[in-house]
C-alpha atoms as a PDB file:
ATOM      1  CA  MET A   1      -0.041  -0.091  -0.121  1.00  0.00           C
ATOM      2  CA  GLU A   2       1.283   3.400  -0.842  1.00  0.00           C
ATOM      3  CA  MET A   3       1.230   6.578   1.560  1.00  0.00           C
ATOM      4  CA  LYS A   4      -0.192   9.549   0.404  1.00  0.00           C
ATOM      5  CA  LYS A   5       1.544  12.877   1.052  1.00  0.00           C
ATOM      6  CA  PRO A   6      -0.227  15.010   3.564  1.00  0.00           C
ATOM      7  CA  VAL A   7      -1.759  18.179   2.094  1.00  0.00           C
ATOM      8  CA  SER A   8       0.262  21.281   2.817  1.00  0.00           C
ATOM      9  CA  SER A   9      -1.875  24.123   4.656  1.00  0.00           C
ATOM     10  CA  ARG A  10       0.083  26.651   2.324  1.00  0.00           C
ATOM     11  CA  SER A  11      -1.259  25.195  -1.026  1.00  0.00           C
ATOM     12  CA  GLY A  12      -3.569  28.309  -1.980  1.00  0.00           C
ATOM     13  CA  PHE A  13      -5.550  30.984  -0.839  1.00  0.00           C
ATOM     14  CA  SER A  14      -8.349  30.405   1.716  1.00  0.00           C
ATOM     15  CA  LEU A  15     -11.960  31.626   1.267  1.00  0.00           C
ATOM     16  CA  VAL A  16     -11.508  34.459   3.966  1.00  0.00           C
ATOM     17  CA  GLU A  17      -8.345  36.017   2.225  1.00  0.00           C
ATOM     18  CA  ILE A  18     -10.188  36.251  -1.285  1.00  0.00           C
ATOM     19  CA  THR A  19     -13.180  37.777   0.465  1.00  0.00           C
ATOM     20  CA  VAL A  20     -10.944  40.343   1.985  1.00  0.00           C
ATOM     21  CA  ALA A  21      -9.236  41.256  -1.320  1.00  0.00           C
ATOM     22  CA  LEU A  22     -12.348  41.269  -2.969  1.00  0.00           C
ATOM     23  CA  VAL A  23     -13.705  44.080  -0.208  1.00  0.00           C
ATOM     24  CA  ILE A  24     -10.376  46.008  -0.658  1.00  0.00           C
ATOM     25  CA  GLY A  25     -10.753  45.972  -4.455  1.00  0.00           C
ATOM     26  CA  SER A  26     -14.307  46.922  -4.286  1.00  0.00           C
ATOM     27  CA  ILE A  27     -13.470  49.799  -1.969  1.00  0.00           C
ATOM     28  CA  GLY A  28     -10.887  50.941  -4.270  1.00  0.00           C
ATOM     29  CA  LEU A  29     -13.147  50.857  -7.355  1.00  0.00           C
ATOM     30  CA  LEU A  30     -15.824  52.986  -5.696  1.00  0.00           C
ATOM     31  CA  ALA A  31     -13.136  55.660  -4.651  1.00  0.00           C
ATOM     32  CA  LEU A  32     -12.241  55.530  -8.529  1.00  0.00           C
ATOM     33  CA  ALA A  33     -15.935  55.852  -9.590  1.00  0.00           C
ATOM     34  CA  GLY A  34     -16.074  58.868  -7.294  1.00  0.00           C
ATOM     35  CA  ILE A  35     -13.072  60.655  -8.363  1.00  0.00           C
ATOM     36  CA  LEU A  36     -14.497  59.959 -11.933  1.00  0.00           C
ATOM     37  CA  VAL A  37     -17.553  61.732 -11.395  1.00  0.00           C
ATOM     38  CA  TYR A  38     -15.765  64.624  -9.888  1.00  0.00           C
ATOM     39  CA  ALA A  39     -13.548  64.677 -13.174  1.00  0.00           C
ATOM     40  CA  MET A  40     -16.516  64.968 -15.183  1.00  0.00           C
ATOM     41  CA  GLN A  41     -17.980  67.741 -13.418  1.00  0.00           C
ATOM     42  CA  SER A  42     -15.023  70.023 -13.317  1.00  0.00           C
ATOM     43  CA  ASN A  43     -14.650  69.136 -16.977  1.00  0.00           C
ATOM     44  CA  ARG A  44     -18.189  70.240 -17.561  1.00  0.00           C
ATOM     45  CA  ARG A  45     -17.604  73.228 -15.611  1.00  0.00           C
ATOM     46  CA  ALA A  46     -14.369  74.109 -17.468  1.00  0.00           C
ATOM     47  CA  THR A  47     -16.391  73.696 -20.862  1.00  0.00           C
ATOM     48  CA  ASP A  48     -18.929  76.241 -19.659  1.00  0.00           C
ATOM     49  CA  ILE A  49     -16.536  78.931 -18.645  1.00  0.00           C
ATOM     50  CA  SER A  50     -14.844  78.544 -22.055  1.00  0.00           C
ATOM     51  CA  ILE A  51     -17.942  79.001 -23.470  1.00  0.00           C
ATOM     52  CA  ALA A  52     -19.336  81.928 -21.477  1.00  0.00           C
ATOM     53  CA  THR A  53     -16.029  83.527 -22.071  1.00  0.00           C
ATOM     54  CA  ALA A  54     -16.219  83.102 -25.937  1.00  0.00           C
ATOM     55  CA  LEU A  55     -19.548  84.376 -25.815  1.00  0.00           C
ATOM     56  CA  ALA A  56     -18.689  87.655 -23.785  1.00  0.00           C
ATOM     57  CA  ARG A  57     -15.485  88.192 -26.138  1.00  0.00           C
ATOM     58  CA  GLN A  58     -18.038  87.667 -29.101  1.00  0.00           C
ATOM     59  CA  LYS A  59     -20.058  90.589 -27.795  1.00  0.00           C
ATOM     60  CA  ILE A  60     -17.017  92.666 -27.048  1.00  0.00           C
ATOM     61  CA  GLU A  61     -16.195  92.407 -30.627  1.00  0.00           C
ATOM     62  CA  GLN A  62     -19.867  93.286 -31.767  1.00  0.00           C
ATOM     63  CA  ILE A  63     -19.436  96.227 -29.620  1.00  0.00           C
ATOM     64  CA  LYS A  64     -15.991  97.507 -31.175  1.00  0.00           C
ATOM     65  CA  LEU A  65     -17.822  97.468 -34.605  1.00  0.00           C
ATOM     66  CA  THR A  66     -20.611  99.499 -33.472  1.00  0.00           C
ATOM     67  CA  GLU A  67     -21.084 103.307 -33.531  1.00  0.00           C
ATOM     68  CA  TYR A  68     -19.992 104.953 -30.067  1.00  0.00           C
ATOM     69  CA  ASN A  69     -23.378 106.426 -29.591  1.00  0.00           C
ATOM     70  CA  TYR A  70     -25.377 103.202 -30.031  1.00  0.00           C
ATOM     71  CA  VAL A  71     -23.432 101.289 -27.228  1.00  0.00           C
ATOM     72  CA  VAL A  72     -26.099 100.754 -24.548  1.00  0.00           C
ATOM     73  CA  ASP A  73     -26.883  98.160 -21.766  1.00  0.00           C
ATOM     74  CA  GLN A  74     -28.318  95.127 -23.191  1.00  0.00           C
ATOM     75  CA  GLU A  75     -29.430  91.806 -21.634  1.00  0.00           C
ATOM     76  CA  GLU A  76     -29.615  88.583 -23.913  1.00  0.00           C
ATOM     77  CA  ASN A  77     -31.365  85.468 -22.508  1.00  0.00           C
ATOM     78  CA  ASN A  78     -31.494  81.799 -23.366  1.00  0.00           C
ATOM     79  CA  LEU A  79     -28.276  81.682 -25.458  1.00  0.00           C
ATOM     80  CA  ASN A  80     -26.818  78.241 -26.930  1.00  0.00           C
ATOM     81  CA  PRO A  81     -22.918  78.171 -26.962  1.00  0.00           C
ATOM     82  CA  ASN A  82     -23.255  80.025 -30.406  1.00  0.00           C
ATOM     83  CA  GLY A  83     -24.615  83.186 -29.108  1.00  0.00           C
ATOM     84  CA  GLN A  84     -28.110  82.444 -30.859  1.00  0.00           C
ATOM     85  CA  THR A  85     -31.251  82.598 -28.751  1.00  0.00           C
ATOM     86  CA  GLU A  86     -33.245  79.352 -28.151  1.00  0.00           C
ATOM     87  CA  ASP A  87     -35.770  77.712 -25.948  1.00  0.00           C
ATOM     88  CA  ASN A  88     -33.216  75.673 -24.042  1.00  0.00           C
ATOM     89  CA  GLY A  89     -30.447  77.983 -23.939  1.00  0.00           C
ATOM     90  CA  LYS A  90     -28.604  78.081 -20.693  1.00  0.00           C
ATOM     91  CA  TYR A  91     -26.387  81.342 -21.197  1.00  0.00           C
ATOM     92  CA  THR A  92     -27.120  84.599 -20.341  1.00  0.00           C
ATOM     93  CA  ARG A  93     -25.398  87.751 -21.432  1.00  0.00           C
ATOM     94  CA  ILE A  94     -25.517  91.016 -19.704  1.00  0.00           C
ATOM     95  CA  THR A  95     -23.735  93.985 -21.018  1.00  0.00           C
ATOM     96  CA  GLU A  96     -23.382  97.031 -18.811  1.00  0.00           C
ATOM     97  CA  VAL A  97     -22.198 100.392 -19.978  1.00  0.00           C
ATOM     98  CA  THR A  98     -20.739 103.075 -17.860  1.00  0.00           C
ATOM     99  CA  ASP A  99     -20.204 106.380 -19.425  1.00  0.00           C
ATOM    100  CA  ASN A 100     -16.764 108.428 -18.309  1.00  0.00           C
ATOM    101  CA  GLN A 101     -15.707 106.059 -15.852  1.00  0.00           C
ATOM    102  CA  ALA A 102     -12.137 105.543 -17.184  1.00  0.00           C
ATOM    103  CA  GLY A 103     -11.932 109.273 -18.616  1.00  0.00           C
ATOM    104  CA  LEU A 104     -13.687 112.019 -20.423  1.00  0.00           C
ATOM    105  CA  ASN A 105     -15.350 110.874 -23.738  1.00  0.00           C
ATOM    106  CA  THR A 106     -15.209 107.127 -22.741  1.00  0.00           C
ATOM    107  CA  LYS A 107     -17.346 104.161 -22.178  1.00  0.00           C
ATOM    108  CA  THR A 108     -16.547 101.032 -20.080  1.00  0.00           C
ATOM    109  CA  VAL A 109     -18.246  98.025 -21.223  1.00  0.00           C
ATOM    110  CA  ASP A 110     -18.771  95.112 -19.064  1.00  0.00           C
ATOM    111  CA  VAL A 111     -20.169  91.979 -20.446  1.00  0.00           C
ATOM    112  CA  THR A 112     -21.099  89.143 -17.865  1.00  0.00           C
ATOM    113  CA  VAL A 113     -22.250  85.698 -19.164  1.00  0.00           C
ATOM    114  CA  TYR A 114     -23.833  83.689 -16.456  1.00  0.00           C
ATOM    115  CA  PHE A 115     -24.198  79.879 -16.867  1.00  0.00           C
ATOM    116  CA  SER A 116     -26.398  79.103 -14.105  1.00  0.00           C
ATOM    117  CA  PRO A 117     -30.108  79.566 -13.571  1.00  0.00           C
ATOM    118  CA  SER A 118     -29.354  82.091 -10.713  1.00  0.00           C
ATOM    119  CA  LEU A 119     -27.833  85.641 -11.833  1.00  0.00           C
ATOM    120  CA  GLU A 120     -26.623  85.756  -8.317  1.00  0.00           C
ATOM    121  CA  ASP A 121     -24.385  83.009  -8.553  1.00  0.00           C
ATOM    122  CA  THR A 122     -20.913  84.475  -8.753  1.00  0.00           C
ATOM    123  CA  LEU A 123     -19.146  81.367  -9.249  1.00  0.00           C
ATOM    124  CA  ASN A 124     -20.763  80.488 -12.605  1.00  0.00           C
ATOM    125  CA  LYS A 125     -19.934  83.515 -14.797  1.00  0.00           C
ATOM    126  CA  ALA A 126     -17.510  84.792 -16.922  1.00  0.00           C
ATOM    127  CA  VAL A 127     -16.615  88.675 -17.130  1.00  0.00           C
ATOM    128  CA  VAL A 128     -14.738  90.318 -20.026  1.00  0.00           C
ATOM    129  CA  SER A 129     -14.452  94.345 -20.046  1.00  0.00           C
ATOM    130  CA  THR A 130     -13.209  97.024 -22.330  1.00  0.00           C
ATOM    131  CA  ILE A 131     -13.068 100.844 -22.838  1.00  0.00           C
ATOM    132  CA  ILE A 132     -14.122 102.493 -25.911  1.00  0.00           C
ATOM    133  CA  TYR A 133     -13.938 105.918 -27.040  1.00  0.00           C
ATOM    134  CA  PRO A 134     -15.274 107.837 -30.049  1.00  0.00           C
END
C-alpha cells in the first residue's frame, strides 16, 4: 500500500483571504468611481467657463464694430453656445455700459455671461471688460 503525502496548509488562498481581497478591491473601485464623477463635473464646468468667455468676447467684438453713440446696456437670455437665442439655451449675457468712468468721452463696457439659472451665482459666470472711445 502506498502512503499519500499530507496536504500542505500553504497550498493556496483561503476563502477568507479572497473575500478580504475582493472587499479591498471593491472599496478602491468605488473611490475611483467617485473621482471619475468629480472629474466629469470639473470638465463640464471648464467647458461652461470657456463657452461663457467666448460669448463675452464675441459681444465685445460686436461692440467694437458698433458706433460709439449706439453702445448701450443690453440683456440677452437663453443663448446657446453659438450666441443664438433658443428655448433651452443656458447662457445669459448682460452688457453694462458706464460713461466717463475711465476718462472723459469714454465708455467702460462690462459683458457678463452667466451659465447658471441664478444670476446671483458669482461662481458660474465669466466677465470681460473693455474701454471704448469715439
